PDB file of all heavy atoms in Angstrom:
ATOM      1  N   GLY A   1      98.978  77.573 143.028  1.00  0.00           N
ATOM      2  CA  GLY A   1     100.104  76.658 142.840  1.00  0.00           C
ATOM      3  C   GLY A   1     101.391  77.150 143.514  1.00  0.00           C
ATOM      4  O   GLY A   1     101.483  78.307 143.931  1.00  0.00           O
ATOM      5  N   GLY A   2     102.397  76.284 143.521  1.00  0.00           N
ATOM      6  CA  GLY A   2     103.651  76.589 144.197  1.00  0.00           C
ATOM      7  C   GLY A   2     104.371  77.780 143.597  1.00  0.00           C
ATOM      8  O   GLY A   2     104.290  78.069 142.393  1.00  0.00           O
ATOM      9  N   SER A   3     105.081  78.512 144.464  1.00  0.00           N
ATOM     10  CA  SER A   3     105.949  79.644 144.062  1.00  0.00           C
ATOM     11  C   SER A   3     105.202  80.783 143.386  1.00  0.00           C
ATOM     12  O   SER A   3     105.758  81.508 142.571  1.00  0.00           O
ATOM     13  CB  SER A   3     107.071  79.149 143.148  1.00  0.00           C
ATOM     14  OG  SER A   3     107.863  78.202 143.812  1.00  0.00           O
ATOM     15  N   CYS A   4     103.923  80.969 143.740  1.00  0.00           N
ATOM     16  CA  CYS A   4     103.155  82.116 143.207  1.00  0.00           C
ATOM     17  C   CYS A   4     103.318  83.321 144.116  1.00  0.00           C
ATOM     18  O   CYS A   4     103.613  83.195 145.294  1.00  0.00           O
ATOM     19  CB  CYS A   4     101.668  81.752 143.123  1.00  0.00           C
ATOM     20  SG  CYS A   4     101.263  80.615 141.776  1.00  0.00           S
ATOM     21  N   VAL A   5     103.117  84.505 143.524  1.00  0.00           N
ATOM     22  CA  VAL A   5     103.130  85.747 144.291  1.00  0.00           C
ATOM     23  C   VAL A   5     101.823  86.465 144.013  1.00  0.00           C
ATOM     24  O   VAL A   5     101.469  86.692 142.842  1.00  0.00           O
ATOM     25  CB  VAL A   5     104.315  86.635 143.879  1.00  0.00           C
ATOM     26  CG1 VAL A   5     104.212  88.008 144.540  1.00  0.00           C
ATOM     27  CG2 VAL A   5     105.632  85.956 144.252  1.00  0.00           C
ATOM     28  N   ILE A   6     101.111  86.854 145.068  1.00  0.00           N
ATOM     29  CA  ILE A   6      99.875  87.613 144.962  1.00  0.00           C
ATOM     30  C   ILE A   6     100.169  89.009 145.500  1.00  0.00           C
ATOM     31  O   ILE A   6     100.494  89.179 146.659  1.00  0.00           O
ATOM     32  CB  ILE A   6      98.733  86.959 145.773  1.00  0.00           C
ATOM     33  CG1 ILE A   6      98.677  85.431 145.511  1.00  0.00           C
ATOM     34  CG2 ILE A   6      97.401  87.634 145.448  1.00  0.00           C
ATOM     35  CD1 ILE A   6      98.399  85.049 144.104  1.00  0.00           C
ATOM     36  N   LEU A   7     100.027  90.024 144.635  1.00  0.00           N
ATOM     37  CA  LEU A   7     100.400  91.380 144.983  1.00  0.00           C
ATOM     38  C   LEU A   7      99.276  92.146 145.689  1.00  0.00           C
ATOM     39  O   LEU A   7      98.133  91.684 145.737  1.00  0.00           O
ATOM     40  CB  LEU A   7     100.856  92.132 143.733  1.00  0.00           C
ATOM     41  CG  LEU A   7     102.117  91.581 143.085  1.00  0.00           C
ATOM     42  CD1 LEU A   7     102.494  92.409 141.850  1.00  0.00           C
ATOM     43  CD2 LEU A   7     103.280  91.556 144.060  1.00  0.00           C
ATOM     44  N   PRO A   8      99.594  93.321 146.288  1.00  0.00           N
ATOM     45  CA  PRO A   8      98.616  94.122 147.035  1.00  0.00           C
ATOM     46  C   PRO A   8      97.333  94.421 146.227  1.00  0.00           C
ATOM     47  O   PRO A   8      97.369  94.700 145.042  1.00  0.00           O
ATOM     48  CB  PRO A   8      99.354  95.403 147.354  1.00  0.00           C
ATOM     49  CG  PRO A   8     100.798  95.044 147.345  1.00  0.00           C
ATOM     50  CD  PRO A   8     100.921  93.999 146.278  1.00  0.00           C
ATOM     51  N   GLY A   9      96.206  94.332 146.933  1.00  0.00           N
ATOM     52  CA  GLY A   9      94.916  94.718 146.347  1.00  0.00           C
ATOM     53  C   GLY A   9      94.245  93.736 145.446  1.00  0.00           C
ATOM     54  O   GLY A   9      93.199  94.014 144.887  1.00  0.00           O
ATOM     55  N   ILE A  10      94.804  92.537 145.330  1.00  0.00           N
ATOM     56  CA  ILE A  10      94.268  91.545 144.395  1.00  0.00           C
ATOM     57  C   ILE A  10      93.056  90.857 144.957  1.00  0.00           C
ATOM     58  O   ILE A  10      92.977  90.536 146.125  1.00  0.00           O
ATOM     59  CB  ILE A  10      95.369  90.471 144.055  1.00  0.00           C
ATOM     60  CG1 ILE A  10      96.524  91.132 143.336  1.00  0.00           C
ATOM     61  CG2 ILE A  10      94.789  89.347 143.245  1.00  0.00           C
ATOM     62  CD1 ILE A  10      96.159  91.794 142.017  1.00  0.00           C
ATOM     63  N   THR A  11      92.071  90.628 144.074  1.00  0.00           N
ATOM     64  CA  THR A  11      90.921  89.814 144.397  1.00  0.00           C
ATOM     65  C   THR A  11      90.896  88.623 143.442  1.00  0.00           C
ATOM     66  O   THR A  11      91.029  88.799 142.209  1.00  0.00           O
ATOM     67  CB  THR A  11      89.606  90.578 144.223  1.00  0.00           C
ATOM     68  OG1 THR A  11      89.578  91.647 145.182  1.00  0.00           O
ATOM     69  CG2 THR A  11      88.379  89.695 144.431  1.00  0.00           C
ATOM     70  N   ILE A  12      90.769  87.417 143.991  1.00  0.00           N
ATOM     71  CA  ILE A  12      90.703  86.185 143.195  1.00  0.00           C
ATOM     72  C   ILE A  12      89.327  85.579 143.374  1.00  0.00           C
ATOM     73  O   ILE A  12      88.916  85.315 144.513  1.00  0.00           O
ATOM     74  CB  ILE A  12      91.796  85.208 143.591  1.00  0.00           C
ATOM     75  CG1 ILE A  12      93.185  85.800 143.420  1.00  0.00           C
ATOM     76  CG2 ILE A  12      91.681  83.904 142.805  1.00  0.00           C
ATOM     77  CD1 ILE A  12      94.321  84.924 143.899  1.00  0.00           C
ATOM     78  N   GLY A  13      88.625  85.348 142.299  1.00  0.00           N
ATOM     79  CA  GLY A  13      87.258  84.880 142.353  1.00  0.00           C
ATOM     80  C   GLY A  13      87.134  83.406 142.700  1.00  0.00           C
ATOM     81  O   GLY A  13      88.109  82.653 142.644  1.00  0.00           O
ATOM     82  N   ASN A  14      85.941  82.977 143.055  1.00  0.00           N
ATOM     83  CA  ASN A  14      85.686  81.586 143.438  1.00  0.00           C
ATOM     84  C   ASN A  14      86.128  80.589 142.336  1.00  0.00           C
ATOM     85  O   ASN A  14      86.002  80.867 141.165  1.00  0.00           O
ATOM     86  CB  ASN A  14      84.198  81.361 143.678  1.00  0.00           C
ATOM     87  CG  ASN A  14      83.708  82.163 144.871  1.00  0.00           C
ATOM     88  OD1 ASN A  14      84.451  82.536 145.759  1.00  0.00           O
ATOM     89  ND2 ASN A  14      82.381  82.411 144.888  1.00  0.00           N
ATOM     90  N   ASN A  15      86.647  79.465 142.778  1.00  0.00           N
ATOM     91  CA  ASN A  15      86.943  78.293 141.944  1.00  0.00           C
ATOM     92  C   ASN A  15      88.139  78.466 141.022  1.00  0.00           C
ATOM     93  O   ASN A  15      88.474  77.577 140.241  1.00  0.00           O
ATOM     94  CB  ASN A  15      85.740  77.925 141.051  1.00  0.00           C
ATOM     95  CG  ASN A  15      84.448  77.825 141.850  1.00  0.00           C
ATOM     96  OD1 ASN A  15      84.434  77.270 142.952  1.00  0.00           O
ATOM     97  ND2 ASN A  15      83.364  78.328 141.282  1.00  0.00           N
ATOM     98  N   SER A  16      88.823  79.584 141.087  1.00  0.00           N
ATOM     99  CA  SER A  16      89.908  79.868 140.161  1.00  0.00           C
ATOM    100  C   SER A  16      91.209  79.144 140.541  1.00  0.00           C
ATOM    101  O   SER A  16      91.413  78.754 141.706  1.00  0.00           O
ATOM    102  CB  SER A  16      90.155  81.382 140.034  1.00  0.00           C
ATOM    103  OG  SER A  16      89.061  81.984 139.382  1.00  0.00           O
ATOM    104  N   ILE A  17      92.087  79.004 139.554  1.00  0.00           N
ATOM    105  CA  ILE A  17      93.389  78.340 139.739  1.00  0.00           C
ATOM    106  C   ILE A  17      94.483  79.308 139.296  1.00  0.00           C
ATOM    107  O   ILE A  17      94.434  79.867 138.217  1.00  0.00           O
ATOM    108  CB  ILE A  17      93.470  77.067 138.891  1.00  0.00           C
ATOM    109  CG1 ILE A  17      92.397  76.029 139.365  1.00  0.00           C
ATOM    110  CG2 ILE A  17      94.853  76.440 138.980  1.00  0.00           C
ATOM    111  CD1 ILE A  17      92.304  74.831 138.452  1.00  0.00           C
ATOM    112  N   ILE A  18      95.509  79.443 140.152  1.00  0.00           N
ATOM    113  CA  ILE A  18      96.671  80.227 139.830  1.00  0.00           C
ATOM    114  C   ILE A  18      97.803  79.232 139.579  1.00  0.00           C
ATOM    115  O   ILE A  18      98.258  78.542 140.510  1.00  0.00           O
ATOM    116  CB  ILE A  18      97.048  81.202 140.971  1.00  0.00           C
ATOM    117  CG1 ILE A  18      95.807  81.936 141.528  1.00  0.00           C
ATOM    118  CG2 ILE A  18      98.119  82.151 140.502  1.00  0.00           C
ATOM    119  CD1 ILE A  18      95.073  82.745 140.504  1.00  0.00           C
ATOM    120  N   ALA A  19      98.264  79.128 138.341  1.00  0.00           N
ATOM    121  CA  ALA A  19      99.261  78.148 137.976  1.00  0.00           C
ATOM    122  C   ALA A  19     100.585  78.426 138.673  1.00  0.00           C
ATOM    123  O   ALA A  19     100.943  79.593 138.979  1.00  0.00           O
ATOM    124  CB  ALA A  19      99.461  78.103 136.467  1.00  0.00           C
ATOM    125  N   ALA A  20     101.365  77.378 138.951  1.00  0.00           N
ATOM    126  CA  ALA A  20     102.637  77.505 139.646  1.00  0.00           C
ATOM    127  C   ALA A  20     103.549  78.548 139.013  1.00  0.00           C
ATOM    128  O   ALA A  20     103.658  78.615 137.758  1.00  0.00           O
ATOM    129  CB  ALA A  20     103.337  76.137 139.668  1.00  0.00           C
ATOM    130  N   GLY A  21     104.188  79.335 139.849  1.00  0.00           N
ATOM    131  CA  GLY A  21     105.151  80.344 139.379  1.00  0.00           C
ATOM    132  C   GLY A  21     104.557  81.630 138.901  1.00  0.00           C
ATOM    133  O   GLY A  21     105.308  82.516 138.449  1.00  0.00           O
ATOM    134  N   SER A  22     103.243  81.787 139.046  1.00  0.00           N
ATOM    135  CA  SER A  22     102.601  83.022 138.532  1.00  0.00           C
ATOM    136  C   SER A  22     102.815  84.195 139.457  1.00  0.00           C
ATOM    137  O   SER A  22     102.911  84.046 140.671  1.00  0.00           O
ATOM    138  CB  SER A  22     101.106  82.786 138.361  1.00  0.00           C
ATOM    139  OG  SER A  22     100.849  81.771 137.375  1.00  0.00           O
ATOM    140  N   VAL A  23     102.834  85.373 138.880  1.00  0.00           N
ATOM    141  CA  VAL A  23     102.847  86.642 139.620  1.00  0.00           C
ATOM    142  C   VAL A  23     101.530  87.363 139.275  1.00  0.00           C
ATOM    143  O   VAL A  23     101.336  87.813 138.133  1.00  0.00           O
ATOM    144  CB  VAL A  23     104.052  87.517 139.270  1.00  0.00           C
ATOM    145  CG1 VAL A  23     103.979  88.847 140.053  1.00  0.00           C
ATOM    146  CG2 VAL A  23     105.357  86.798 139.599  1.00  0.00           C
ATOM    147  N   VAL A  24     100.647  87.443 140.267  1.00  0.00           N
ATOM    148  CA  VAL A  24      99.310  87.987 139.995  1.00  0.00           C
ATOM    149  C   VAL A  24      99.307  89.496 140.249  1.00  0.00           C
ATOM    150  O   VAL A  24      99.473  89.922 141.408  1.00  0.00           O
ATOM    151  CB  VAL A  24      98.267  87.292 140.874  1.00  0.00           C
ATOM    152  CG1 VAL A  24      96.857  87.835 140.590  1.00  0.00           C
ATOM    153  CG2 VAL A  24      98.278  85.783 140.644  1.00  0.00           C
ATOM    154  N   THR A  25      99.162  90.263 139.200  1.00  0.00           N
ATOM    155  CA  THR A  25      99.237  91.735 139.294  1.00  0.00           C
ATOM    156  C   THR A  25      97.874  92.383 139.125  1.00  0.00           C
ATOM    157  O   THR A  25      97.766  93.604 139.320  1.00  0.00           O
ATOM    158  CB  THR A  25     100.193  92.286 138.221  1.00  0.00           C
ATOM    159  OG1 THR A  25      99.681  91.949 136.911  1.00  0.00           O
ATOM    160  CG2 THR A  25     101.584  91.701 138.378  1.00  0.00           C
ATOM    161  N   LYS A  26      96.857  91.645 138.723  1.00  0.00           N
ATOM    162  CA  LYS A  26      95.521  92.211 138.600  1.00  0.00           C
ATOM    163  C   LYS A  26      94.487  91.157 139.009  1.00  0.00           C
ATOM    164  O   LYS A  26      94.810  89.953 139.052  1.00  0.00           O
ATOM    165  CB  LYS A  26      95.269  92.732 137.202  1.00  0.00           C
ATOM    166  CG  LYS A  26      95.370  91.702 136.111  1.00  0.00           C
ATOM    167  CD  LYS A  26      95.143  92.357 134.741  1.00  0.00           C
ATOM    168  CE  LYS A  26      95.233  91.368 133.616  1.00  0.00           C
ATOM    169  NZ  LYS A  26      95.004  92.009 132.292  1.00  0.00           N
ATOM    170  N   ASP A  27      93.267  91.589 139.230  1.00  0.00           N
ATOM    171  CA  ASP A  27      92.199  90.691 139.744  1.00  0.00           C
ATOM    172  C   ASP A  27      91.980  89.507 138.789  1.00  0.00           C
ATOM    173  O   ASP A  27      92.085  89.603 137.563  1.00  0.00           O
ATOM    174  CB  ASP A  27      90.907  91.470 139.913  1.00  0.00           C
ATOM    175  CG  ASP A  27      90.981  92.487 141.020  1.00  0.00           C
ATOM    176  OD1 ASP A  27      91.970  92.463 141.781  1.00  0.00           O
ATOM    177  OD2 ASP A  27      90.064  93.326 141.121  1.00  0.00           O
ATOM    178  N   VAL A  28      91.620  88.387 139.414  1.00  0.00           N
ATOM    179  CA  VAL A  28      91.335  87.150 138.673  1.00  0.00           C
ATOM    180  C   VAL A  28      89.849  86.865 138.735  1.00  0.00           C
ATOM    181  O   VAL A  28      89.287  86.736 139.844  1.00  0.00           O
ATOM    182  CB  VAL A  28      92.134  85.958 139.257  1.00  0.00           C
ATOM    183  CG1 VAL A  28      91.784  84.653 138.569  1.00  0.00           C
ATOM    184  CG2 VAL A  28      93.630  86.246 139.198  1.00  0.00           C
ATOM    185  N   PRO A  29      89.200  86.785 137.602  1.00  0.00           N
ATOM    186  CA  PRO A  29      87.720  86.520 137.620  1.00  0.00           C
ATOM    187  C   PRO A  29      87.385  85.143 138.174  1.00  0.00           C
ATOM    188  O   PRO A  29      88.245  84.229 138.222  1.00  0.00           O
ATOM    189  CB  PRO A  29      87.323  86.626 136.157  1.00  0.00           C
ATOM    190  CG  PRO A  29      88.459  87.293 135.469  1.00  0.00           C
ATOM    191  CD  PRO A  29      89.693  86.946 136.250  1.00  0.00           C
ATOM    192  N   THR A  30      86.158  84.967 138.562  1.00  0.00           N
ATOM    193  CA  THR A  30      85.646  83.666 139.010  1.00  0.00           C
ATOM    194  C   THR A  30      85.818  82.630 137.886  1.00  0.00           C
ATOM    195  O   THR A  30      85.694  82.951 136.704  1.00  0.00           O
ATOM    196  CB  THR A  30      84.171  83.817 139.367  1.00  0.00           C
ATOM    197  OG1 THR A  30      84.062  84.695 140.517  1.00  0.00           O
ATOM    198  CG2 THR A  30      83.577  82.480 139.751  1.00  0.00           C
ATOM    199  N   ASN A  31      86.078  81.393 138.287  1.00  0.00           N
ATOM    200  CA  ASN A  31      86.156  80.234 137.341  1.00  0.00           C
ATOM    201  C   ASN A  31      87.187  80.455 136.247  1.00  0.00           C
ATOM    202  O   ASN A  31      86.908  80.205 135.061  1.00  0.00           O
ATOM    203  CB  ASN A  31      84.775  80.008 136.701  1.00  0.00           C
ATOM    204  CG  ASN A  31      83.725  79.634 137.728  1.00  0.00           C
ATOM    205  OD1 ASN A  31      83.978  78.824 138.621  1.00  0.00           O
ATOM    206  ND2 ASN A  31      82.540  80.247 137.621  1.00  0.00           N
ATOM    207  N   SER A  32      88.384  80.919 136.644  1.00  0.00           N
ATOM    208  CA  SER A  32      89.427  81.200 135.658  1.00  0.00           C
ATOM    209  C   SER A  32      90.723  80.472 136.032  1.00  0.00           C
ATOM    210  O   SER A  32      90.998  80.203 137.186  1.00  0.00           O
ATOM    211  CB  SER A  32      89.732  82.682 135.556  1.00  0.00           C
ATOM    212  OG  SER A  32      88.600  83.412 135.156  1.00  0.00           O
ATOM    213  N   ILE A  33      91.506  80.097 135.007  1.00  0.00           N
ATOM    214  CA  ILE A  33      92.866  79.618 135.185  1.00  0.00           C
ATOM    215  C   ILE A  33      93.810  80.667 134.658  1.00  0.00           C
ATOM    216  O   ILE A  33      93.722  81.046 133.478  1.00  0.00           O
ATOM    217  CB  ILE A  33      93.079  78.269 134.478  1.00  0.00           C
ATOM    218  CG1 ILE A  33      92.139  77.204 135.005  1.00  0.00           C
ATOM    219  CG2 ILE A  33      94.548  77.799 134.640  1.00  0.00           C
ATOM    220  CD1 ILE A  33      92.245  75.884 134.252  1.00  0.00           C
ATOM    221  N   VAL A  34      94.742  81.135 135.501  1.00  0.00           N
ATOM    222  CA  VAL A  34      95.724  82.135 135.058  1.00  0.00           C
ATOM    223  C   VAL A  34      97.120  81.608 135.251  1.00  0.00           C
ATOM    224  O   VAL A  34      97.373  80.748 136.095  1.00  0.00           O
ATOM    225  CB  VAL A  34      95.536  83.487 135.808  1.00  0.00           C
ATOM    226  CG1 VAL A  34      94.139  84.033 135.607  1.00  0.00           C
ATOM    227  CG2 VAL A  34      95.841  83.339 137.305  1.00  0.00           C
ATOM    228  N   ALA A  35      98.036  82.134 134.444  1.00  0.00           N
ATOM    229  CA  ALA A  35      99.426  81.681 134.546  1.00  0.00           C
ATOM    230  C   ALA A  35     100.355  82.784 133.995  1.00  0.00           C
ATOM    231  O   ALA A  35      99.923  83.583 133.197  1.00  0.00           O
ATOM    232  CB  ALA A  35      99.656  80.354 133.770  1.00  0.00           C
ATOM    233  N   GLY A  36     101.609  82.740 134.467  1.00  0.00           N
ATOM    234  CA  GLY A  36     102.618  83.618 133.883  1.00  0.00           C
ATOM    235  C   GLY A  36     103.000  84.795 134.773  1.00  0.00           C
ATOM    236  O   GLY A  36     102.480  84.997 135.873  1.00  0.00           O
ATOM    237  N   ASN A  37     103.937  85.557 134.286  1.00  0.00           N
ATOM    238  CA  ASN A  37     104.397  86.796 134.940  1.00  0.00           C
ATOM    239  C   ASN A  37     104.499  87.930 133.918  1.00  0.00           C
ATOM    240  O   ASN A  37     105.386  87.954 133.100  1.00  0.00           O
ATOM    241  CB  ASN A  37     105.785  86.546 135.542  1.00  0.00           C
ATOM    242  CG  ASN A  37     106.363  87.764 136.243  1.00  0.00           C
ATOM    243  OD1 ASN A  37     105.658  88.762 136.432  1.00  0.00           O
ATOM    244  ND2 ASN A  37     107.625  87.700 136.633  1.00  0.00           N
ATOM    245  N   PRO A  38     103.481  88.860 133.976  1.00  0.00           N
ATOM    246  CA  PRO A  38     102.326  88.859 134.881  1.00  0.00           C
ATOM    247  C   PRO A  38     101.320  87.776 134.468  1.00  0.00           C
ATOM    248  O   PRO A  38     101.252  87.384 133.311  1.00  0.00           O
ATOM    249  CB  PRO A  38     101.728  90.251 134.701  1.00  0.00           C
ATOM    250  CG  PRO A  38     102.102  90.620 133.300  1.00  0.00           C
ATOM    251  CD  PRO A  38     103.480  90.011 133.069  1.00  0.00           C
ATOM    252  N   ALA A  39     100.511  87.320 135.438  1.00  0.00           N
ATOM    253  CA  ALA A  39      99.554  86.264 135.201  1.00  0.00           C
ATOM    254  C   ALA A  39      98.470  86.726 134.226  1.00  0.00           C
ATOM    255  O   ALA A  39      97.928  87.821 134.354  1.00  0.00           O
ATOM    256  CB  ALA A  39      98.927  85.795 136.504  1.00  0.00           C
ATOM    257  N   LYS A  40      98.172  85.847 133.257  1.00  0.00           N
ATOM    258  CA  LYS A  40      97.112  86.125 132.291  1.00  0.00           C
ATOM    259  C   LYS A  40      96.159  84.947 132.223  1.00  0.00           C
ATOM    260  O   LYS A  40      96.540  83.835 132.515  1.00  0.00           O
ATOM    261  CB  LYS A  40      97.733  86.379 130.891  1.00  0.00           C
ATOM    262  CG  LYS A  40      98.618  87.635 130.855  1.00  0.00           C
ATOM    263  CD  LYS A  40      99.193  87.852 129.449  1.00  0.00           C
ATOM    264  CE  LYS A  40     100.077  89.081 129.441  1.00  0.00           C
ATOM    265  NZ  LYS A  40     100.676  89.313 128.084  1.00  0.00           N
ATOM    266  N   ILE A  41      94.919  85.245 131.827  1.00  0.00           N
ATOM    267  CA  ILE A  41      93.902  84.199 131.777  1.00  0.00           C
ATOM    268  C   ILE A  41      94.235  83.206 130.627  1.00  0.00           C
ATOM    269  O   ILE A  41      94.434  83.612 129.497  1.00  0.00           O
ATOM    270  CB  ILE A  41      92.523  84.791 131.559  1.00  0.00           C
ATOM    271  CG1 ILE A  41      92.142  85.670 132.748  1.00  0.00           C
ATOM    272  CG2 ILE A  41      91.477  83.701 131.392  1.00  0.00           C
ATOM    273  CD1 ILE A  41      90.813  86.420 132.574  1.00  0.00           C
ATOM    274  N   LEU A  42      94.292  81.942 130.971  1.00  0.00           N
ATOM    275  CA  LEU A  42      94.506  80.887 129.989  1.00  0.00           C
ATOM    276  C   LEU A  42      93.174  80.346 129.495  1.00  0.00           C
ATOM    277  O   LEU A  42      93.010  80.104 128.275  1.00  0.00           O
ATOM    278  CB  LEU A  42      95.320  79.705 130.589  1.00  0.00           C
ATOM    279  CG  LEU A  42      96.767  80.015 130.997  1.00  0.00           C
ATOM    280  CD1 LEU A  42      97.439  78.750 131.492  1.00  0.00           C
ATOM    281  CD2 LEU A  42      97.559  80.583 129.811  1.00  0.00           C
ATOM    282  N   LYS A  43      92.270  80.097 130.420  1.00  0.00           N
ATOM    283  CA  LYS A  43      90.967  79.538 130.057  1.00  0.00           C
ATOM    284  C   LYS A  43      89.987  79.704 131.192  1.00  0.00           C
ATOM    285  O   LYS A  43      90.370  79.988 132.312  1.00  0.00           O
ATOM    286  CB  LYS A  43      91.077  78.069 129.674  1.00  0.00           C
ATOM    287  CG  LYS A  43      91.596  77.183 130.812  1.00  0.00           C
ATOM    288  CD  LYS A  43      91.769  75.733 130.392  1.00  0.00           C
ATOM    289  CE  LYS A  43      90.445  75.069 130.090  1.00  0.00           C
ATOM    290  NZ  LYS A  43      90.551  73.628 129.815  1.00  0.00           N
ATOM    291  N   SER A  44      88.715  79.489 130.887  1.00  0.00           N
ATOM    292  CA  SER A  44      87.675  79.482 131.923  1.00  0.00           C
ATOM    293  C   SER A  44      87.385  78.047 132.284  1.00  0.00           C
ATOM    294  O   SER A  44      87.527  77.142 131.490  1.00  0.00           O
ATOM    295  CB  SER A  44      86.404  80.179 131.410  1.00  0.00           C
ATOM    296  OG  SER A  44      86.643  81.544 131.150  1.00  0.00           O
ATOM    297  N   ILE A  45      86.938  77.861 133.526  1.00  0.00           N
ATOM    298  CA  ILE A  45      86.641  76.527 134.032  1.00  0.00           C
ATOM    299  C   ILE A  45      85.175  76.236 133.756  1.00  0.00           C
ATOM    300  O   ILE A  45      84.313  77.021 134.169  1.00  0.00           O
ATOM    301  CB  ILE A  45      86.956  76.374 135.534  1.00  0.00           C
ATOM    302  CG1 ILE A  45      88.461  76.667 135.764  1.00  0.00           C
ATOM    303  CG2 ILE A  45      86.579  75.032 136.047  1.00  0.00           C
ATOM    304  CD1 ILE A  45      88.782  76.763 137.225  1.00  0.00           C
TER     305      ILE A  45
END
């Protein structure tokens, strides 16, 4: 989503969604929705 930041070394799994305005500081699992600063898992798809 808009205005997100993905930091060094991050891996984002297939099908996942990064909600607008998130700062991703750790890897995002497959089929996940994350949001926030730092981004945290909200739910699985």
